[in-house]
Amino acid sequence: MATAVNTIRNKERKSGNAGSSLFSRIDKTMKLDAMFSEGVPVQYLPRVLWLFMFALIYIANAHYANKTQKNLAKTLVQVEELRVDYTTNKAAYMQQGMQSSVARNVSVSGLEESSVPPRKIKLEEEE
Protein backbone atom coordinates (compact mmCIF):
# COMPACT_ATOMS: atom_id res chain seq x y z
CA MET A 1 0.00 0.00 0.00
CA ALA A 2 1.20 3.41 -0.88
CA THR A 3 0.75 6.28 1.53
CA ALA A 4 -0.26 9.71 0.38
CA VAL A 5 2.24 12.51 0.73
CA ASN A 6 1.21 16.15 1.10
CA THR A 7 3.56 17.88 -1.31
CA ILE A 8 2.32 21.44 -0.60
CA ARG A 9 3.13 21.32 3.11
CA ASN A 10 6.46 19.71 2.40
CA LYS A 11 7.36 22.56 0.03
CA GLU A 12 6.40 25.18 2.67
CA ARG A 13 8.57 23.51 5.31
CA LYS A 14 11.51 23.32 2.97
CA SER A 15 11.22 26.94 1.85
CA GLY A 16 11.29 28.24 5.44
CA ASN A 17 7.93 30.04 5.43
CA ALA A 18 6.70 28.07 8.43
CA GLY A 19 7.75 29.78 11.65
CA SER A 20 8.47 33.16 10.10
CA SER A 21 5.57 34.87 11.81
CA LEU A 22 5.79 38.22 13.54
CA PHE A 23 6.05 36.71 17.00
CA SER A 24 8.82 34.31 16.02
CA ARG A 25 10.80 37.25 14.60
CA ILE A 26 10.31 39.20 17.82
CA ASP A 27 11.40 36.17 19.83
CA LYS A 28 14.53 35.79 17.71
CA THR A 29 15.54 39.46 17.93
CA MET A 30 14.83 39.99 21.63
CA LYS A 31 15.99 36.55 22.80
CA LEU A 32 13.12 36.22 25.25
CA ASP A 33 13.81 32.52 25.81
CA ALA A 34 16.99 33.36 27.69
CA MET A 35 15.20 35.95 29.83
CA PHE A 36 12.36 33.63 30.83
CA SER A 37 14.43 30.43 31.16
CA GLU A 38 14.49 30.69 34.95
CA GLY A 39 10.90 31.94 35.26
CA VAL A 40 9.32 35.38 35.26
CA PRO A 41 11.82 38.09 36.27
CA VAL A 42 10.21 39.74 39.31
CA GLN A 43 12.49 42.77 39.31
CA TYR A 44 10.62 44.12 36.23
CA LEU A 45 7.16 43.64 37.76
CA PRO A 46 6.81 47.17 39.30
CA ARG A 47 7.72 48.81 36.00
CA VAL A 48 5.33 46.60 34.05
CA LEU A 49 2.51 47.32 36.51
CA TRP A 50 3.25 51.04 36.35
CA LEU A 51 3.14 50.98 32.54
CA PHE A 52 -0.07 48.95 32.64
CA MET A 53 -1.73 51.46 35.00
CA PHE A 54 -0.46 54.36 32.90
CA ALA A 55 -1.97 52.77 29.78
CA LEU A 56 -5.31 52.25 31.55
CA ILE A 57 -5.39 55.86 32.72
CA TYR A 58 -4.49 57.04 29.22
CA ILE A 59 -7.31 55.01 27.65
CA ALA A 60 -9.82 56.13 30.30
CA ASN A 61 -8.82 59.76 29.73
CA ALA A 62 -9.32 59.40 25.98
CA HIS A 63 -12.82 57.96 26.52
CA TYR A 64 -13.66 60.74 28.98
CA ALA A 65 -12.47 63.39 26.52
CA ASN A 66 -14.61 61.93 23.72
CA LYS A 67 -17.65 61.78 25.98
CA THR A 68 -17.10 65.37 27.11
CA GLN A 69 -16.72 66.54 23.52
CA LYS A 70 -20.01 64.86 22.53
CA ASN A 71 -21.80 66.44 25.51
CA LEU A 72 -20.36 69.83 24.60
CA ALA A 73 -21.64 69.51 21.03
CA LYS A 74 -25.13 68.58 22.31
CA THR A 75 -25.10 71.50 24.74
CA LEU A 76 -24.09 73.95 22.01
CA VAL A 77 -27.04 72.80 19.89
CA GLN A 78 -29.39 73.24 22.87
CA VAL A 79 -28.00 76.71 23.59
CA GLU A 80 -28.56 77.74 19.98
CA GLU A 81 -32.16 76.47 20.11
CA LEU A 82 -32.79 78.35 23.36
CA ARG A 83 -31.29 81.53 21.89
CA VAL A 84 -33.64 81.29 18.93
CA ASP A 85 -36.61 80.73 21.26
CA TYR A 86 -35.57 83.69 23.41
CA THR A 87 -35.28 85.99 20.39
CA THR A 88 -38.67 84.88 19.06
CA ASN A 89 -40.41 85.28 22.43
CA LYS A 90 -38.81 88.68 23.04
CA ALA A 91 -39.99 89.93 19.63
CA ALA A 92 -43.53 88.67 20.32
CA TYR A 93 -43.53 90.32 23.77
CA MET A 94 -42.37 93.63 22.31
CA GLN A 95 -45.08 93.39 19.64
CA GLN A 96 -47.78 92.75 22.26
CA GLY A 97 -46.64 95.72 24.34
CA MET A 98 -47.18 98.25 21.58
CA GLN A 99 -50.09 100.66 22.03
CA SER A 100 -51.88 99.55 18.89
CA SER A 101 -51.73 95.88 19.91
CA VAL A 102 -52.97 96.65 23.42
CA ALA A 103 -55.86 98.70 22.03
CA ARG A 104 -56.81 95.92 19.64
CA ASN A 105 -56.70 93.27 22.41
CA VAL A 106 -58.81 95.25 24.92
CA SER A 107 -61.44 96.30 22.34
CA VAL A 108 -62.89 92.80 22.66
CA SER A 109 -63.83 93.47 26.29
CA GLY A 110 -65.48 96.83 25.44
CA LEU A 111 -62.68 99.23 26.36
CA GLU A 112 -61.79 102.02 23.95
CA GLU A 113 -58.67 104.04 23.44
CA SER A 114 -58.95 107.57 24.80
CA SER A 115 -58.71 110.31 22.18
CA VAL A 116 -58.06 113.00 24.82
CA PRO A 117 -54.43 113.23 25.82
CA PRO A 118 -53.64 112.89 29.51
CA ARG A 119 -53.41 116.02 31.68
CA LYS A 120 -51.02 116.77 34.47
CA ILE A 121 -52.66 117.49 37.81
CA LYS A 122 -50.92 120.07 39.96
CA LEU A 123 -51.43 120.12 43.69
CA GLU A 124 -50.80 123.15 45.79
CA GLU A 125 -48.01 122.72 48.23
CA GLU A 126 -49.03 122.92 51.84
CA GLU A 127 -46.88 125.07 54.09
C-alpha atoms as a PDB file:
ATOM      1  CA  MET A   1       0.000   0.000   0.000  1.00  0.00           C
ATOM      2  CA  ALA A   2       1.201   3.406  -0.880  1.00  0.00           C
ATOM      3  CA  THR A   3       0.755   6.282   1.534  1.00  0.00           C
ATOM      4  CA  ALA A   4      -0.258   9.708   0.381  1.00  0.00           C
ATOM      5  CA  VAL A   5       2.236  12.507   0.725  1.00  0.00           C
ATOM      6  CA  ASN A   6       1.215  16.145   1.099  1.00  0.00           C
ATOM      7  CA  THR A   7       3.556  17.881  -1.309  1.00  0.00           C
ATOM      8  CA  ILE A   8       2.318  21.441  -0.605  1.00  0.00           C
ATOM      9  CA  ARG A   9       3.131  21.317   3.111  1.00  0.00           C
ATOM     10  CA  ASN A  10       6.464  19.707   2.404  1.00  0.00           C
ATOM     11  CA  LYS A  11       7.357  22.558   0.028  1.00  0.00           C
ATOM     12  CA  GLU A  12       6.399  25.175   2.670  1.00  0.00           C
ATOM     13  CA  ARG A  13       8.568  23.509   5.308  1.00  0.00           C
ATOM     14  CA  LYS A  14      11.513  23.320   2.966  1.00  0.00           C
ATOM     15  CA  SER A  15      11.222  26.936   1.847  1.00  0.00           C
ATOM     16  CA  GLY A  16      11.289  28.243   5.445  1.00  0.00           C
ATOM     17  CA  ASN A  17       7.929  30.043   5.433  1.00  0.00           C
ATOM     18  CA  ALA A  18       6.702  28.073   8.430  1.00  0.00           C
ATOM     19  CA  GLY A  19       7.751  29.782  11.652  1.00  0.00           C
ATOM     20  CA  SER A  20       8.467  33.163  10.096  1.00  0.00           C
ATOM     21  CA  SER A  21       5.574  34.873  11.809  1.00  0.00           C
ATOM     22  CA  LEU A  22       5.794  38.220  13.544  1.00  0.00           C
ATOM     23  CA  PHE A  23       6.055  36.712  17.005  1.00  0.00           C
ATOM     24  CA  SER A  24       8.824  34.310  16.016  1.00  0.00           C
ATOM     25  CA  ARG A  25      10.802  37.247  14.601  1.00  0.00           C
ATOM     26  CA  ILE A  26      10.308  39.202  17.823  1.00  0.00           C
ATOM     27  CA  ASP A  27      11.399  36.170  19.830  1.00  0.00           C
ATOM     28  CA  LYS A  28      14.535  35.787  17.712  1.00  0.00           C
ATOM     29  CA  THR A  29      15.544  39.457  17.932  1.00  0.00           C
ATOM     30  CA  MET A  30      14.832  39.989  21.634  1.00  0.00           C
ATOM     31  CA  LYS A  31      15.985  36.550  22.803  1.00  0.00           C
ATOM     32  CA  LEU A  32      13.121  36.224  25.250  1.00  0.00           C
ATOM     33  CA  ASP A  33      13.814  32.517  25.805  1.00  0.00           C
ATOM     34  CA  ALA A  34      16.989  33.357  27.693  1.00  0.00           C
ATOM     35  CA  MET A  35      15.200  35.948  29.828  1.00  0.00           C
ATOM     36  CA  PHE A  36      12.360  33.632  30.826  1.00  0.00           C
ATOM     37  CA  SER A  37      14.431  30.433  31.155  1.00  0.00           C
ATOM     38  CA  GLU A  38      14.491  30.691  34.953  1.00  0.00           C
ATOM     39  CA  GLY A  39      10.897  31.945  35.257  1.00  0.00           C
ATOM     40  CA  VAL A  40       9.318  35.375  35.263  1.00  0.00           C
ATOM     41  CA  PRO A  41      11.823  38.095  36.268  1.00  0.00           C
ATOM     42  CA  VAL A  42      10.210  39.736  39.311  1.00  0.00           C
ATOM     43  CA  GLN A  43      12.490  42.774  39.309  1.00  0.00           C
ATOM     44  CA  TYR A  44      10.617  44.120  36.235  1.00  0.00           C
ATOM     45  CA  LEU A  45       7.158  43.641  37.762  1.00  0.00           C
ATOM     46  CA  PRO A  46       6.811  47.166  39.298  1.00  0.00           C
ATOM     47  CA  ARG A  47       7.724  48.811  35.997  1.00  0.00           C
ATOM     48  CA  VAL A  48       5.330  46.599  34.051  1.00  0.00           C
ATOM     49  CA  LEU A  49       2.511  47.319  36.508  1.00  0.00           C
ATOM     50  CA  TRP A  50       3.253  51.042  36.351  1.00  0.00           C
ATOM     51  CA  LEU A  51       3.141  50.980  32.542  1.00  0.00           C
ATOM     52  CA  PHE A  52      -0.072  48.953  32.639  1.00  0.00           C
ATOM     53  CA  MET A  53      -1.732  51.460  34.998  1.00  0.00           C
ATOM     54  CA  PHE A  54      -0.460  54.355  32.900  1.00  0.00           C
ATOM     55  CA  ALA A  55      -1.970  52.771  29.781  1.00  0.00           C
ATOM     56  CA  LEU A  56      -5.312  52.249  31.548  1.00  0.00           C
ATOM     57  CA  ILE A  57      -5.394  55.856  32.723  1.00  0.00           C
ATOM     58  CA  TYR A  58      -4.492  57.039  29.220  1.00  0.00           C
ATOM     59  CA  ILE A  59      -7.313  55.008  27.654  1.00  0.00           C
ATOM     60  CA  ALA A  60      -9.816  56.134  30.301  1.00  0.00           C
ATOM     61  CA  ASN A  61      -8.823  59.760  29.734  1.00  0.00           C
ATOM     62  CA  ALA A  62      -9.319  59.404  25.981  1.00  0.00           C
ATOM     63  CA  HIS A  63     -12.816  57.960  26.520  1.00  0.00           C
ATOM     64  CA  TYR A  64     -13.660  60.736  28.981  1.00  0.00           C
ATOM     65  CA  ALA A  65     -12.471  63.392  26.515  1.00  0.00           C
ATOM     66  CA  ASN A  66     -14.606  61.927  23.720  1.00  0.00           C
ATOM     67  CA  LYS A  67     -17.651  61.784  25.982  1.00  0.00           C
ATOM     68  CA  THR A  68     -17.103  65.373  27.107  1.00  0.00           C
ATOM     69  CA  GLN A  69     -16.725  66.537  23.523  1.00  0.00           C
ATOM     70  CA  LYS A  70     -20.015  64.861  22.528  1.00  0.00           C
ATOM     71  CA  ASN A  71     -21.800  66.438  25.510  1.00  0.00           C
ATOM     72  CA  LEU A  72     -20.363  69.832  24.600  1.00  0.00           C
ATOM     73  CA  ALA A  73     -21.639  69.510  21.030  1.00  0.00           C
ATOM     74  CA  LYS A  74     -25.125  68.580  22.307  1.00  0.00           C
ATOM     75  CA  THR A  75     -25.098  71.497  24.737  1.00  0.00           C
ATOM     76  CA  LEU A  76     -24.093  73.953  22.012  1.00  0.00           C
ATOM     77  CA  VAL A  77     -27.040  72.802  19.893  1.00  0.00           C
ATOM     78  CA  GLN A  78     -29.393  73.241  22.867  1.00  0.00           C
ATOM     79  CA  VAL A  79     -28.004  76.710  23.594  1.00  0.00           C
ATOM     80  CA  GLU A  80     -28.558  77.741  19.982  1.00  0.00           C
ATOM     81  CA  GLU A  81     -32.160  76.469  20.109  1.00  0.00           C
ATOM     82  CA  LEU A  82     -32.787  78.353  23.364  1.00  0.00           C
ATOM     83  CA  ARG A  83     -31.292  81.530  21.889  1.00  0.00           C
ATOM     84  CA  VAL A  84     -33.644  81.287  18.928  1.00  0.00           C
ATOM     85  CA  ASP A  85     -36.613  80.727  21.257  1.00  0.00           C
ATOM     86  CA  TYR A  86     -35.574  83.693  23.411  1.00  0.00           C
ATOM     87  CA  THR A  87     -35.282  85.993  20.393  1.00  0.00           C
ATOM     88  CA  THR A  88     -38.670  84.881  19.058  1.00  0.00           C
ATOM     89  CA  ASN A  89     -40.414  85.282  22.426  1.00  0.00           C
ATOM     90  CA  LYS A  90     -38.810  88.676  23.041  1.00  0.00           C
ATOM     91  CA  ALA A  91     -39.986  89.928  19.630  1.00  0.00           C
ATOM     92  CA  ALA A  92     -43.526  88.666  20.316  1.00  0.00           C
ATOM     93  CA  TYR A  93     -43.526  90.320  23.772  1.00  0.00           C
ATOM     94  CA  MET A  94     -42.369  93.626  22.308  1.00  0.00           C
ATOM     95  CA  GLN A  95     -45.078  93.392  19.642  1.00  0.00           C
ATOM     96  CA  GLN A  96     -47.782  92.751  22.260  1.00  0.00           C
ATOM     97  CA  GLY A  97     -46.641  95.717  24.343  1.00  0.00           C
ATOM     98  CA  MET A  98     -47.177  98.252  21.580  1.00  0.00           C
ATOM     99  CA  GLN A  99     -50.089 100.664  22.032  1.00  0.00           C
ATOM    100  CA  SER A 100     -51.878  99.555  18.886  1.00  0.00           C
ATOM    101  CA  SER A 101     -51.726  95.875  19.913  1.00  0.00           C
ATOM    102  CA  VAL A 102     -52.968  96.645  23.424  1.00  0.00           C
ATOM    103  CA  ALA A 103     -55.857  98.703  22.029  1.00  0.00           C
ATOM    104  CA  ARG A 104     -56.808  95.917  19.639  1.00  0.00           C
ATOM    105  CA  ASN A 105     -56.700  93.275  22.413  1.00  0.00           C
ATOM    106  CA  VAL A 106     -58.809  95.251  24.915  1.00  0.00           C
ATOM    107  CA  SER A 107     -61.439  96.300  22.344  1.00  0.00           C
ATOM    108  CA  VAL A 108     -62.887  92.800  22.659  1.00  0.00           C
ATOM    109  CA  SER A 109     -63.830  93.473  26.295  1.00  0.00           C
ATOM    110  CA  GLY A 110     -65.477  96.829  25.439  1.00  0.00           C
ATOM    111  CA  LEU A 111     -62.685  99.227  26.356  1.00  0.00           C
ATOM    112  CA  GLU A 112     -61.793 102.021  23.953  1.00  0.00           C
ATOM    113  CA  GLU A 113     -58.669 104.041  23.444  1.00  0.00           C
ATOM    114  CA  SER A 114     -58.950 107.571  24.799  1.00  0.00           C
ATOM    115  CA  SER A 115     -58.713 110.306  22.183  1.00  0.00           C
ATOM    116  CA  VAL A 116     -58.060 112.996  24.824  1.00  0.00           C
ATOM    117  CA  PRO A 117     -54.431 113.226  25.820  1.00  0.00           C
ATOM    118  CA  PRO A 118     -53.640 112.887  29.508  1.00  0.00           C
ATOM    119  CA  ARG A 119     -53.410 116.022  31.683  1.00  0.00           C
ATOM    120  CA  LYS A 120     -51.021 116.766  34.472  1.00  0.00           C
ATOM    121  CA  ILE A 121     -52.665 117.487  37.815  1.00  0.00           C
ATOM    122  CA  LYS A 122     -50.923 120.067  39.956  1.00  0.00           C
ATOM    123  CA  LEU A 123     -51.430 120.118  43.686  1.00  0.00           C
ATOM    124  CA  GLU A 124     -50.796 123.151  45.790  1.00  0.00           C
ATOM    125  CA  GLU A 125     -48.008 122.717  48.226  1.00  0.00           C
ATOM    126  CA  GLU A 126     -49.028 122.924  51.841  1.00  0.00           C
ATOM    127  CA  GLU A 127     -46.877 125.072  54.089  1.00  0.00           C
END
